[in-house]
Amino acid sequence: MGQILSDVTEVLNYQDSKKEADTKRKQILRDMSIDEENKTNLIKKALATQRAKYGAEGVNGANMTTGAVLKRIQDETAEPYDKKRNTNLAKLKSVKQKDATSLLKRLLKHFDDLVG
C-alpha cells in the first residue's frame, strides 16, 4: 500500500512539475520578446542619431564608409541582446519536467498489485 501512495504522490508531483516547467518557458519567452523589442528600438535610435550627425556634417549617407559605420553601430548595439537571446535559448532548452515515461513504467510495474 505504501508503494501505491508513493506512486500517486509522484503522479501529482509530475503534474505540478509540468505546470512549473510551462510557466518557466512562458516567462523566458516573454523576456525574450521584451528584449527583442528593446533591441530594435535601441538600434533605431542609435542609427537615427548617427544619421543626424552625418546630416549635420553634410555627409551623404549613400557612400560605403557611411554604410559601414552604420552597420558597425547596428552590430555593436545588437551584440549584448544577441548574447542574452542565446543564453535564454539555452535556459529554454534546459527547462525540463519530470520524465513521464519512467513514471508510467513504474506505475505499470505495480499495476498487477493494484488490480490483484
PDB file of N, CA and C in Angstrom:
ATOM      1  N   MET A   1       0.819  -1.191   0.000  1.00  0.00           N
ATOM      2  CA  MET A   1       0.000   0.000   0.000  1.00  0.00           C
ATOM      3  C   MET A   1       0.864   1.257   0.000  1.00  0.00           C
ATOM      4  N   GLY A   2       1.992   1.170   0.677  1.00  0.00           N
ATOM      5  CA  GLY A   2       2.910   2.309   0.732  1.00  0.00           C
ATOM      6  C   GLY A   2       3.428   2.691  -0.644  1.00  0.00           C
ATOM      7  N   GLN A   3       3.671   1.685  -1.487  1.00  0.00           N
ATOM      8  CA  GLN A   3       4.163   1.942  -2.844  1.00  0.00           C
ATOM      9  C   GLN A   3       3.100   2.653  -3.674  1.00  0.00           C
ATOM     10  N   ILE A   4       1.841   2.259  -3.495  1.00  0.00           N
ATOM     11  CA  ILE A   4       0.739   2.888  -4.231  1.00  0.00           C
ATOM     12  C   ILE A   4       0.640   4.363  -3.852  1.00  0.00           C
ATOM     13  N   LEU A   5       0.724   4.641  -2.568  1.00  0.00           N
ATOM     14  CA  LEU A   5       0.679   6.020  -2.096  1.00  0.00           C
ATOM     15  C   LEU A   5       1.837   6.821  -2.675  1.00  0.00           C
ATOM     16  N   SER A   6       2.999   6.212  -2.702  1.00  0.00           N
ATOM     17  CA  SER A   6       4.180   6.861  -3.267  1.00  0.00           C
ATOM     18  C   SER A   6       3.983   7.171  -4.749  1.00  0.00           C
ATOM     19  N   ASP A   7       3.418   6.204  -5.485  1.00  0.00           N
ATOM     20  CA  ASP A   7       3.193   6.400  -6.919  1.00  0.00           C
ATOM     21  C   ASP A   7       2.157   7.488  -7.187  1.00  0.00           C
ATOM     22  N   VAL A   8       1.099   7.504  -6.406  1.00  0.00           N
ATOM     23  CA  VAL A   8       0.067   8.535  -6.568  1.00  0.00           C
ATOM     24  C   VAL A   8       0.655   9.913  -6.267  1.00  0.00           C
ATOM     25  N   THR A   9       1.445   9.990  -5.218  1.00  0.00           N
ATOM     26  CA  THR A   9       2.108  11.248  -4.879  1.00  0.00           C
ATOM     27  C   THR A   9       3.011  11.700  -6.016  1.00  0.00           C
ATOM     28  N   GLU A  10       3.709  10.764  -6.618  1.00  0.00           N
ATOM     29  CA  GLU A  10       4.602  11.089  -7.723  1.00  0.00           C
ATOM     30  C   GLU A  10       3.829  11.589  -8.942  1.00  0.00           C
ATOM     31  N   VAL A  11       2.666  11.002  -9.194  1.00  0.00           N
ATOM     32  CA  VAL A  11       1.820  11.467 -10.304  1.00  0.00           C
ATOM     33  C   VAL A  11       1.400  12.912 -10.056  1.00  0.00           C
ATOM     34  N   LEU A  12       0.992  13.211  -8.851  1.00  0.00           N
ATOM     35  CA  LEU A  12       0.584  14.578  -8.516  1.00  0.00           C
ATOM     36  C   LEU A  12       1.761  15.542  -8.635  1.00  0.00           C
ATOM     37  N   ASN A  13       2.926  15.116  -8.186  1.00  0.00           N
ATOM     38  CA  ASN A  13       4.121  15.949  -8.308  1.00  0.00           C
ATOM     39  C   ASN A  13       4.492  16.167  -9.766  1.00  0.00           C
ATOM     40  N   TYR A  14       4.259  15.156 -10.609  1.00  0.00           N
ATOM     41  CA  TYR A  14       4.543  15.285 -12.039  1.00  0.00           C
ATOM     42  C   TYR A  14       3.705  16.405 -12.643  1.00  0.00           C
ATOM     43  N   GLN A  15       2.421  16.442 -12.280  1.00  0.00           N
ATOM     44  CA  GLN A  15       1.543  17.495 -12.804  1.00  0.00           C
ATOM     45  C   GLN A  15       2.038  18.873 -12.371  1.00  0.00           C
ATOM     46  N   ASP A  16       2.440  19.003 -11.114  1.00  0.00           N
ATOM     47  CA  ASP A  16       2.978  20.273 -10.622  1.00  0.00           C
ATOM     48  C   ASP A  16       4.253  20.645 -11.361  1.00  0.00           C
ATOM     49  N   SER A  17       5.107  19.655 -11.573  1.00  0.00           N
ATOM     50  CA  SER A  17       6.363  19.882 -12.277  1.00  0.00           C
ATOM     51  C   SER A  17       6.113  20.332 -13.710  1.00  0.00           C
ATOM     52  N   LYS A  18       5.134  19.727 -14.334  1.00  0.00           N
ATOM     53  CA  LYS A  18       4.791  20.088 -15.709  1.00  0.00           C
ATOM     54  C   LYS A  18       4.298  21.533 -15.778  1.00  0.00           C
ATOM     55  N   LYS A  19       3.435  21.912 -14.854  1.00  0.00           N
ATOM     56  CA  LYS A  19       2.925  23.288 -14.817  1.00  0.00           C
ATOM     57  C   LYS A  19       4.056  24.282 -14.558  1.00  0.00           C
ATOM     58  N   GLU A  20       4.949  23.931 -13.648  1.00  0.00           N
ATOM     59  CA  GLU A  20       6.078  24.801 -13.322  1.00  0.00           C
ATOM     60  C   GLU A  20       6.991  24.984 -14.527  1.00  0.00           C
ATOM     61  N   ALA A  21       7.265  23.902 -15.247  1.00  0.00           N
ATOM     62  CA  ALA A  21       8.114  23.986 -16.439  1.00  0.00           C
ATOM     63  C   ALA A  21       7.450  24.849 -17.511  1.00  0.00           C
ATOM     64  N   ASP A  22       6.149  24.695 -17.686  1.00  0.00           N
ATOM     65  CA  ASP A  22       5.426  25.519 -18.659  1.00  0.00           C
ATOM     66  C   ASP A  22       5.487  26.995 -18.278  1.00  0.00           C
ATOM     67  N   THR A  23       5.331  27.281 -17.004  1.00  0.00           N
ATOM     68  CA  THR A  23       5.397  28.664 -16.525  1.00  0.00           C
ATOM     69  C   THR A  23       6.777  29.261 -16.775  1.00  0.00           C
ATOM     70  N   LYS A  24       7.826  28.483 -16.496  1.00  0.00           N
ATOM     71  CA  LYS A  24       9.190  28.970 -16.731  1.00  0.00           C
ATOM     72  C   LYS A  24       9.421  29.238 -18.211  1.00  0.00           C
ATOM     73  N   ARG A  25       8.956  28.333 -19.065  1.00  0.00           N
ATOM     74  CA  ARG A  25       9.115  28.526 -20.513  1.00  0.00           C
ATOM     75  C   ARG A  25       8.421  29.801 -20.980  1.00  0.00           C
ATOM     76  N   LYS A  26       7.203  30.010 -20.505  1.00  0.00           N
ATOM     77  CA  LYS A  26       6.452  31.206 -20.894  1.00  0.00           C
ATOM     78  C   LYS A  26       7.157  32.473 -20.429  1.00  0.00           C
ATOM     79  N   GLN A  27       7.720  32.459 -19.226  1.00  0.00           N
ATOM     80  CA  GLN A  27       8.430  33.627 -18.704  1.00  0.00           C
ATOM     81  C   GLN A  27       9.676  33.914 -19.536  1.00  0.00           C
ATOM     82  N   ILE A  28      10.418  32.883 -19.892  1.00  0.00           N
ATOM     83  CA  ILE A  28      11.619  33.064 -20.713  1.00  0.00           C
ATOM     84  C   ILE A  28      11.239  33.628 -22.075  1.00  0.00           C
ATOM     85  N   LEU A  29      10.190  33.098 -22.684  1.00  0.00           N
ATOM     86  CA  LEU A  29       9.743  33.601 -23.987  1.00  0.00           C
ATOM     87  C   LEU A  29       9.261  35.048 -23.888  1.00  0.00           C
ATOM     88  N   ARG A  30       8.585  35.382 -22.807  1.00  0.00           N
ATOM     89  CA  ARG A  30       8.133  36.759 -22.589  1.00  0.00           C
ATOM     90  C   ARG A  30       9.343  37.691 -22.463  1.00  0.00           C
ATOM     91  N   ASP A  31      10.339  37.285 -21.693  1.00  0.00           N
ATOM     92  CA  ASP A  31      11.556  38.086 -21.537  1.00  0.00           C
ATOM     93  C   ASP A  31      12.273  38.265 -22.868  1.00  0.00           C
ATOM     94  N   MET A  32      12.318  37.197 -23.661  1.00  0.00           N
ATOM     95  CA  MET A  32      12.981  37.280 -24.966  1.00  0.00           C
ATOM     96  C   MET A  32      12.251  38.256 -25.883  1.00  0.00           C
ATOM     97  N   SER A  33      10.942  38.261 -25.832  1.00  0.00           N
ATOM     98  CA  SER A  33      10.150  39.170 -26.652  1.00  0.00           C
ATOM     99  C   SER A  33      10.409  40.626 -26.261  1.00  0.00           C
ATOM    100  N   ILE A  34      10.441  40.890 -24.976  1.00  0.00           N
ATOM    101  CA  ILE A  34      10.714  42.242 -24.485  1.00  0.00           C
ATOM    102  C   ILE A  34      12.117  42.679 -24.888  1.00  0.00           C
ATOM    103  N   ASP A  35      13.096  41.791 -24.732  1.00  0.00           N
ATOM    104  CA  ASP A  35      14.474  42.114 -25.113  1.00  0.00           C
ATOM    105  C   ASP A  35      14.584  42.418 -26.600  1.00  0.00           C
ATOM    106  N   GLU A  36      13.877  41.652 -27.416  1.00  0.00           N
ATOM    107  CA  GLU A  36      13.927  41.860 -28.867  1.00  0.00           C
ATOM    108  C   GLU A  36      13.339  43.226 -29.232  1.00  0.00           C
ATOM    109  N   GLU A  37      12.266  43.590 -28.578  1.00  0.00           N
ATOM    110  CA  GLU A  37      11.660  44.901 -28.822  1.00  0.00           C
ATOM    111  C   GLU A  37      12.599  46.023 -28.379  1.00  0.00           C
ATOM    112  N   ASN A  38      13.220  45.862 -27.205  1.00  0.00           N
ATOM    113  CA  ASN A  38      14.181  46.859 -26.722  1.00  0.00           C
ATOM    114  C   ASN A  38      15.363  46.991 -27.667  1.00  0.00           C
ATOM    115  N   LYS A  39      15.850  45.858 -28.158  1.00  0.00           N
ATOM    116  CA  LYS A  39      16.981  45.867 -29.091  1.00  0.00           C
ATOM    117  C   LYS A  39      16.622  46.641 -30.352  1.00  0.00           C
ATOM    118  N   THR A  40      15.464  46.352 -30.912  1.00  0.00           N
ATOM    119  CA  THR A  40      15.033  47.026 -32.136  1.00  0.00           C
ATOM    120  C   THR A  40      14.939  48.534 -31.922  1.00  0.00           C
ATOM    121  N   ASN A  41      14.339  48.942 -30.811  1.00  0.00           N
ATOM    122  CA  ASN A  41      14.208  50.374 -30.523  1.00  0.00           C
ATOM    123  C   ASN A  41      15.561  51.041 -30.324  1.00  0.00           C
ATOM    124  N   LEU A  42      16.467  50.368 -29.628  1.00  0.00           N
ATOM    125  CA  LEU A  42      17.792  50.929 -29.378  1.00  0.00           C
ATOM    126  C   LEU A  42      18.592  51.057 -30.669  1.00  0.00           C
ATOM    127  N   ILE A  43      18.498  50.065 -31.532  1.00  0.00           N
ATOM    128  CA  ILE A  43      19.201  50.125 -32.821  1.00  0.00           C
ATOM    129  C   ILE A  43      18.657  51.280 -33.655  1.00  0.00           C
ATOM    130  N   LYS A  44      17.343  51.413 -33.715  1.00  0.00           N
ATOM    131  CA  LYS A  44      16.744  52.515 -34.476  1.00  0.00           C
ATOM    132  C   LYS A  44      17.224  53.862 -33.954  1.00  0.00           C
ATOM    133  N   LYS A  45      17.269  53.994 -32.641  1.00  0.00           N
ATOM    134  CA  LYS A  45      17.698  55.254 -32.030  1.00  0.00           C
ATOM    135  C   LYS A  45      19.169  55.537 -32.341  1.00  0.00           C
ATOM    136  N   ALA A  46      20.021  54.523 -32.207  1.00  0.00           N
ATOM    137  CA  ALA A  46      21.455  54.706 -32.472  1.00  0.00           C
ATOM    138  C   ALA A  46      21.698  55.070 -33.934  1.00  0.00           C
ATOM    139  N   LEU A  47      20.998  54.401 -34.841  1.00  0.00           N
ATOM    140  CA  LEU A  47      21.171  54.694 -36.267  1.00  0.00           C
ATOM    141  C   LEU A  47      20.633  56.081 -36.610  1.00  0.00           C
ATOM    142  N   ALA A  48      19.508  56.462 -36.034  1.00  0.00           N
ATOM    143  CA  ALA A  48      18.948  57.794 -36.292  1.00  0.00           C
ATOM    144  C   ALA A  48      19.883  58.880 -35.779  1.00  0.00           C
ATOM    145  N   THR A  49      20.481  58.650 -34.622  1.00  0.00           N
ATOM    146  CA  THR A  49      21.427  59.617 -34.064  1.00  0.00           C
ATOM    147  C   THR A  49      22.628  59.785 -34.983  1.00  0.00           C
ATOM    148  N   GLN A  50      23.165  58.667 -35.457  1.00  0.00           N
ATOM    149  CA  GLN A  50      24.334  58.734 -36.333  1.00  0.00           C
ATOM    150  C   GLN A  50      23.978  59.394 -37.666  1.00  0.00           C
ATOM    151  N   ARG A  51      22.826  59.072 -38.210  1.00  0.00           N
ATOM    152  CA  ARG A  51      22.402  59.703 -39.470  1.00  0.00           C
ATOM    153  C   ARG A  51      22.227  61.206 -39.288  1.00  0.00           C
ATOM    154  N   ALA A  52      21.698  61.618 -38.135  1.00  0.00           N
ATOM    155  CA  ALA A  52      21.536  63.047 -37.853  1.00  0.00           C
ATOM    156  C   ALA A  52      22.897  63.736 -37.792  1.00  0.00           C
ATOM    157  N   LYS A  53      23.877  63.054 -37.199  1.00  0.00           N
ATOM    158  CA  LYS A  53      25.235  63.624 -37.153  1.00  0.00           C
ATOM    159  C   LYS A  53      25.792  63.767 -38.557  1.00  0.00           C
ATOM    160  N   TYR A  54      25.602  62.725 -39.370  1.00  0.00           N
ATOM    161  CA  TYR A  54      26.069  62.797 -40.760  1.00  0.00           C
ATOM    162  C   TYR A  54      25.368  63.925 -41.507  1.00  0.00           C
ATOM    163  N   GLY A  55      24.077  64.081 -41.284  1.00  0.00           N
ATOM    164  CA  GLY A  55      23.326  65.148 -41.951  1.00  0.00           C
ATOM    165  C   GLY A  55      23.818  66.519 -41.534  1.00  0.00           C
ATOM    166  N   ALA A  56      24.131  66.677 -40.244  1.00  0.00           N
ATOM    167  CA  ALA A  56      24.636  67.957 -39.748  1.00  0.00           C
ATOM    168  C   ALA A  56      26.002  68.277 -40.336  1.00  0.00           C
ATOM    169  N   GLU A  57      26.779  67.240 -40.626  1.00  0.00           N
ATOM    170  CA  GLU A  57      28.112  67.431 -41.205  1.00  0.00           C
ATOM    171  C   GLU A  57      28.058  67.534 -42.723  1.00  0.00           C
ATOM    172  N   GLY A  58      26.880  67.317 -43.291  1.00  0.00           N
ATOM    173  CA  GLY A  58      26.751  67.386 -44.743  1.00  0.00           C
ATOM    174  C   GLY A  58      27.257  66.148 -45.455  1.00  0.00           C
ATOM    175  N   VAL A  59      27.364  65.038 -44.744  1.00  0.00           N
ATOM    176  CA  VAL A  59      27.842  63.794 -45.343  1.00  0.00           C
ATOM    177  C   VAL A  59      26.649  63.050 -45.925  1.00  0.00           C
ATOM    178  N   ASN A  60      26.816  62.568 -47.138  1.00  0.00           N
ATOM    179  CA  ASN A  60      25.763  61.793 -47.787  1.00  0.00           C
ATOM    180  C   ASN A  60      25.770  60.376 -47.217  1.00  0.00           C
ATOM    181  N   GLY A  61      24.613  59.847 -46.877  1.00  0.00           N
ATOM    182  CA  GLY A  61      24.518  58.516 -46.277  1.00  0.00           C
ATOM    183  C   GLY A  61      24.668  57.385 -47.264  1.00  0.00           C
ATOM    184  N   ALA A  62      24.922  57.685 -48.526  1.00  0.00           N
ATOM    185  CA  ALA A  62      24.952  56.628 -49.535  1.00  0.00           C
ATOM    186  C   ALA A  62      26.345  56.059 -49.789  1.00  0.00           C
ATOM    187  N   ASN A  63      27.395  56.681 -49.263  1.00  0.00           N
ATOM    188  CA  ASN A  63      28.729  56.145 -49.585  1.00  0.00           C
ATOM    189  C   ASN A  63      29.077  54.928 -48.729  1.00  0.00           C
ATOM    190  N   MET A  64      30.116  54.208 -49.131  1.00  0.00           N
ATOM    191  CA  MET A  64      30.497  52.938 -48.488  1.00  0.00           C
ATOM    192  C   MET A  64      30.896  53.121 -47.030  1.00  0.00           C
ATOM    193  N   THR A  65      31.653  54.154 -46.729  1.00  0.00           N
ATOM    194  CA  THR A  65      32.138  54.354 -45.368  1.00  0.00           C
ATOM    195  C   THR A  65      30.978  54.608 -44.413  1.00  0.00           C
ATOM    196  N   THR A  66      30.049  55.414 -44.837  1.00  0.00           N
ATOM    197  CA  THR A  66      28.888  55.703 -44.001  1.00  0.00           C
ATOM    198  C   THR A  66      28.088  54.431 -43.741  1.00  0.00           C
ATOM    199  N   GLY A  67      27.878  53.635 -44.770  1.00  0.00           N
ATOM    200  CA  GLY A  67      27.154  52.373 -44.616  1.00  0.00           C
ATOM    201  C   GLY A  67      27.860  51.426 -43.668  1.00  0.00           C
ATOM    202  N   ALA A  68      29.191  51.388 -43.763  1.00  0.00           N
ATOM    203  CA  ALA A  68      29.968  50.513 -42.878  1.00  0.00           C
ATOM    204  C   ALA A  68      29.859  50.969 -41.427  1.00  0.00           C
ATOM    205  N   VAL A  69      29.898  52.276 -41.215  1.00  0.00           N
ATOM    206  CA  VAL A  69      29.785  52.806 -39.856  1.00  0.00           C
ATOM    207  C   VAL A  69      28.408  52.478 -39.276  1.00  0.00           C
ATOM    208  N   LEU A  70      27.379  52.675 -40.082  1.00  0.00           N
ATOM    209  CA  LEU A  70      26.025  52.373 -39.611  1.00  0.00           C
ATOM    210  C   LEU A  70      25.860  50.883 -39.311  1.00  0.00           C
ATOM    211  N   LYS A  71      26.452  50.052 -40.136  1.00  0.00           N
ATOM    212  CA  LYS A  71      26.400  48.598 -39.917  1.00  0.00           C
ATOM    213  C   LYS A  71      27.119  48.229 -38.619  1.00  0.00           C
ATOM    214  N   ARG A  72      28.275  48.843 -38.383  1.00  0.00           N
ATOM    215  CA  ARG A  72      29.033  48.584 -37.155  1.00  0.00           C
ATOM    216  C   ARG A  72      28.230  49.013 -35.928  1.00  0.00           C
ATOM    217  N   ILE A  73      27.608  50.174 -36.006  1.00  0.00           N
ATOM    218  CA  ILE A  73      26.791  50.651 -34.887  1.00  0.00           C
ATOM    219  C   ILE A  73      25.641  49.682 -34.622  1.00  0.00           C
ATOM    220  N   GLN A  74      25.020  49.225 -35.686  1.00  0.00           N
ATOM    221  CA  GLN A  74      23.913  48.274 -35.542  1.00  0.00           C
ATOM    222  C   GLN A  74      24.394  46.982 -34.881  1.00  0.00           C
ATOM    223  N   ASP A  75      25.534  46.470 -35.339  1.00  0.00           N
ATOM    224  CA  ASP A  75      26.070  45.221 -34.777  1.00  0.00           C
ATOM    225  C   ASP A  75      26.462  45.384 -33.314  1.00  0.00           C
ATOM    226  N   GLU A  76      27.113  46.506 -32.992  1.00  0.00           N
ATOM    227  CA  GLU A  76      27.545  46.737 -31.615  1.00  0.00           C
ATOM    228  C   GLU A  76      26.351  46.910 -30.677  1.00  0.00           C
ATOM    229  N   THR A  77      25.318  47.564 -31.165  1.00  0.00           N
ATOM    230  CA  THR A  77      24.128  47.771 -30.343  1.00  0.00           C
ATOM    231  C   THR A  77      23.395  46.452 -30.105  1.00  0.00           C
ATOM    232  N   ALA A  78      23.365  45.610 -31.117  1.00  0.00           N
ATOM    233  CA  ALA A  78      22.626  44.346 -31.027  1.00  0.00           C
ATOM    234  C   ALA A  78      23.383  43.260 -30.271  1.00  0.00           C
ATOM    235  N   GLU A  79      24.702  43.372 -30.174  1.00  0.00           N
ATOM    236  CA  GLU A  79      25.521  42.288 -29.614  1.00  0.00           C
ATOM    237  C   GLU A  79      25.090  41.826 -28.219  1.00  0.00           C
ATOM    238  N   PRO A  80      24.921  42.731 -27.237  1.00  0.00           N
ATOM    239  CA  PRO A  80      24.526  42.233 -25.908  1.00  0.00           C
ATOM    240  C   PRO A  80      23.158  41.544 -25.912  1.00  0.00           C
ATOM    241  N   TYR A  81      22.261  42.039 -26.748  1.00  0.00           N
ATOM    242  CA  TYR A  81      20.936  41.419 -26.831  1.00  0.00           C
ATOM    243  C   TYR A  81      21.021  40.038 -27.481  1.00  0.00           C
ATOM    244  N   ASP A  82      21.892  39.907 -28.469  1.00  0.00           N
ATOM    245  CA  ASP A  82      22.061  38.605 -29.114  1.00  0.00           C
ATOM    246  C   ASP A  82      22.650  37.584 -28.143  1.00  0.00           C
ATOM    247  N   LYS A  83      23.604  38.038 -27.329  1.00  0.00           N
ATOM    248  CA  LYS A  83      24.180  37.142 -26.320  1.00  0.00           C
ATOM    249  C   LYS A  83      23.116  36.712 -25.309  1.00  0.00           C
ATOM    250  N   LYS A  84      22.304  37.685 -24.893  1.00  0.00           N
ATOM    251  CA  LYS A  84      21.250  37.370 -23.924  1.00  0.00           C
ATOM    252  C   LYS A  84      20.223  36.420 -24.540  1.00  0.00           C
ATOM    253  N   ARG A  85      19.922  36.607 -25.826  1.00  0.00           N
ATOM    254  CA  ARG A  85      18.975  35.713 -26.503  1.00  0.00           C
ATOM    255  C   ARG A  85      19.524  34.287 -26.517  1.00  0.00           C
ATOM    256  N   ASN A  86      20.818  34.142 -26.812  1.00  0.00           N
ATOM    257  CA  ASN A  86      21.427  32.805 -26.817  1.00  0.00           C
ATOM    258  C   ASN A  86      21.375  32.170 -25.429  1.00  0.00           C
ATOM    259  N   THR A  87      21.609  32.980 -24.407  1.00  0.00           N
ATOM    260  CA  THR A  87      21.523  32.487 -23.033  1.00  0.00           C
ATOM    261  C   THR A  87      20.099  32.038 -22.713  1.00  0.00           C
ATOM    262  N   ASN A  88      19.123  32.840 -23.132  1.00  0.00           N
ATOM    263  CA  ASN A  88      17.723  32.480 -22.888  1.00  0.00           C
ATOM    264  C   ASN A  88      17.317  31.227 -23.651  1.00  0.00           C
ATOM    265  N   LEU A  89      17.837  31.057 -24.860  1.00  0.00           N
ATOM    266  CA  LEU A  89      17.545  29.833 -25.617  1.00  0.00           C
ATOM    267  C   LEU A  89      18.101  28.609 -24.896  1.00  0.00           C
ATOM    268  N   ALA A  90      19.302  28.762 -24.326  1.00  0.00           N
ATOM    269  CA  ALA A  90      19.889  27.657 -23.561  1.00  0.00           C
ATOM    270  C   ALA A  90      19.034  27.354 -22.325  1.00  0.00           C
ATOM    271  N   LYS A  91      18.546  28.407 -21.661  1.00  0.00           N
ATOM    272  CA  LYS A  91      17.672  28.206 -20.497  1.00  0.00           C
ATOM    273  C   LYS A  91      16.391  27.490 -20.909  1.00  0.00           C
ATOM    274  N   LEU A  92      15.862  27.898 -22.050  1.00  0.00           N
ATOM    275  CA  LEU A  92      14.623  27.307 -22.540  1.00  0.00           C
ATOM    276  C   LEU A  92      14.788  25.812 -22.787  1.00  0.00           C
ATOM    277  N   LYS A  93      15.939  25.439 -23.325  1.00  0.00           N
ATOM    278  CA  LYS A  93      16.202  24.022 -23.575  1.00  0.00           C
ATOM    279  C   LYS A  93      16.407  23.249 -22.276  1.00  0.00           C
ATOM    280  N   SER A  94      16.916  23.940 -21.257  1.00  0.00           N
ATOM    281  CA  SER A  94      17.232  23.247 -20.007  1.00  0.00           C
ATOM    282  C   SER A  94      16.021  23.081 -19.090  1.00  0.00           C
ATOM    283  N   VAL A  95      14.960  23.853 -19.339  1.00  0.00           N
ATOM    284  CA  VAL A  95      13.761  23.717 -18.509  1.00  0.00           C
ATOM    285  C   VAL A  95      13.118  22.379 -18.835  1.00  0.00           C
ATOM    286  N   LYS A  96      13.136  21.510 -17.856  1.00  0.00           N
ATOM    287  CA  LYS A  96      12.613  20.162 -18.076  1.00  0.00           C
ATOM    288  C   LYS A  96      11.591  19.840 -17.011  1.00  0.00           C
ATOM    289  N   GLN A  97      10.747  18.953 -17.339  1.00  0.00           N
ATOM    290  CA  GLN A  97       9.808  18.428 -16.363  1.00  0.00           C
ATOM    291  C   GLN A  97      10.198  16.987 -16.083  1.00  0.00           C
ATOM    292  N   LYS A  98       9.632  16.438 -15.048  1.00  0.00           N
ATOM    293  CA  LYS A  98       9.944  15.048 -14.722  1.00  0.00           C
ATOM    294  C   LYS A  98       9.548  14.158 -15.885  1.00  0.00           C
ATOM    295  N   ASP A  99      10.308  13.127 -16.062  1.00  0.00           N
ATOM    296  CA  ASP A  99      10.100  12.221 -17.189  1.00  0.00           C
ATOM    297  C   ASP A  99       8.838  11.387 -16.992  1.00  0.00           C
ATOM    298  N   ALA A 100       7.850  11.617 -17.835  1.00  0.00           N
ATOM    299  CA  ALA A 100       6.573  10.901 -17.738  1.00  0.00           C
ATOM    300  C   ALA A 100       6.732   9.429 -18.092  1.00  0.00           C
ATOM    301  N   THR A 101       7.656   9.113 -18.974  1.00  0.00           N
ATOM    302  CA  THR A 101       7.835   7.728 -19.402  1.00  0.00           C
ATOM    303  C   THR A 101       8.269   6.845 -18.240  1.00  0.00           C
ATOM    304  N   SER A 102       9.265   7.279 -17.491  1.00  0.00           N
ATOM    305  CA  SER A 102       9.734   6.453 -16.376  1.00  0.00           C
ATOM    306  C   SER A 102       8.659   6.345 -15.299  1.00  0.00           C
ATOM    307  N   LEU A 103       7.893   7.402 -15.115  1.00  0.00           N
ATOM    308  CA  LEU A 103       6.806   7.360 -14.149  1.00  0.00           C
ATOM    309  C   LEU A 103       5.753   6.348 -14.579  1.00  0.00           C
ATOM    310  N   LEU A 104       5.414   6.361 -15.843  1.00  0.00           N
ATOM    311  CA  LEU A 104       4.424   5.422 -16.370  1.00  0.00           C
ATOM    312  C   LEU A 104       4.919   3.981 -16.241  1.00  0.00           C
ATOM    313  N   LYS A 105       6.185   3.753 -16.537  1.00  0.00           N
ATOM    314  CA  LYS A 105       6.744   2.402 -16.415  1.00  0.00           C
ATOM    315  C   LYS A 105       6.646   1.897 -14.980  1.00  0.00           C
ATOM    316  N   ARG A 106       6.945   2.753 -14.025  1.00  0.00           N
ATOM    317  CA  ARG A 106       6.869   2.335 -12.626  1.00  0.00           C
ATOM    318  C   ARG A 106       5.439   2.038 -12.209  1.00  0.00           C
ATOM    319  N   LEU A 107       4.511   2.849 -12.695  1.00  0.00           N
ATOM    320  CA  LEU A 107       3.107   2.599 -12.360  1.00  0.00           C
ATOM    321  C   LEU A 107       2.622   1.288 -12.962  1.00  0.00           C
ATOM    322  N   LEU A 108       3.017   1.018 -14.203  1.00  0.00           N
ATOM    323  CA  LEU A 108       2.607  -0.229 -14.851  1.00  0.00           C
ATOM    324  C   LEU A 108       3.220  -1.440 -14.166  1.00  0.00           C
ATOM    325  N   LYS A 109       4.419  -1.261 -13.640  1.00  0.00           N
ATOM    326  CA  LYS A 109       5.074  -2.352 -12.934  1.00  0.00           C
ATOM    327  C   LYS A 109       4.252  -2.765 -11.707  1.00  0.00           C
ATOM    328  N   HIS A 110       3.591  -1.802 -11.087  1.00  0.00           N
ATOM    329  CA  HIS A 110       2.786  -2.084  -9.895  1.00  0.00           C
ATOM    330  C   HIS A 110       1.312  -2.277 -10.232  1.00  0.00           C
ATOM    331  N   PHE A 111       0.980  -2.301 -11.504  1.00  0.00           N
ATOM    332  CA  PHE A 111      -0.417  -2.421 -11.926  1.00  0.00           C
ATOM    333  C   PHE A 111      -1.060  -3.710 -11.413  1.00  0.00           C
ATOM    334  N   ASP A 112      -0.313  -4.793 -11.486  1.00  0.00           N
ATOM    335  CA  ASP A 112      -0.854  -6.075 -11.007  1.00  0.00           C
ATOM    336  C   ASP A 112      -1.234  -5.997  -9.530  1.00  0.00           C
ATOM    337  N   ASP A 113      -0.416  -5.295  -8.749  1.00  0.00           N
ATOM    338  CA  ASP A 113      -0.730  -5.142  -7.327  1.00  0.00           C
ATOM    339  C   ASP A 113      -2.014  -4.337  -7.133  1.00  0.00           C
ATOM    340  N   LEU A 114      -2.216  -3.366  -8.011  1.00  0.00           N
ATOM    341  CA  LEU A 114      -3.391  -2.505  -7.875  1.00  0.00           C
ATOM    342  C   LEU A 114      -4.687  -3.248  -8.192  1.00  0.00           C
ATOM    343  N   VAL A 115      -4.661  -4.073  -9.241  1.00  0.00           N
ATOM    344  CA  VAL A 115      -5.883  -4.774  -9.645  1.00  0.00           C
ATOM    345  C   VAL A 115      -6.009  -6.152  -9.007  1.00  0.00           C
ATOM    346  N   GLY A 116      -4.912  -6.681  -8.500  1.00  0.00           N
ATOM    347  CA  GLY A 116      -4.906  -8.032  -7.940  1.00  0.00           C
ATOM    348  C   GLY A 116      -5.450  -8.048  -6.586  1.00  0.00           C
TER     349      GLY A 116
END
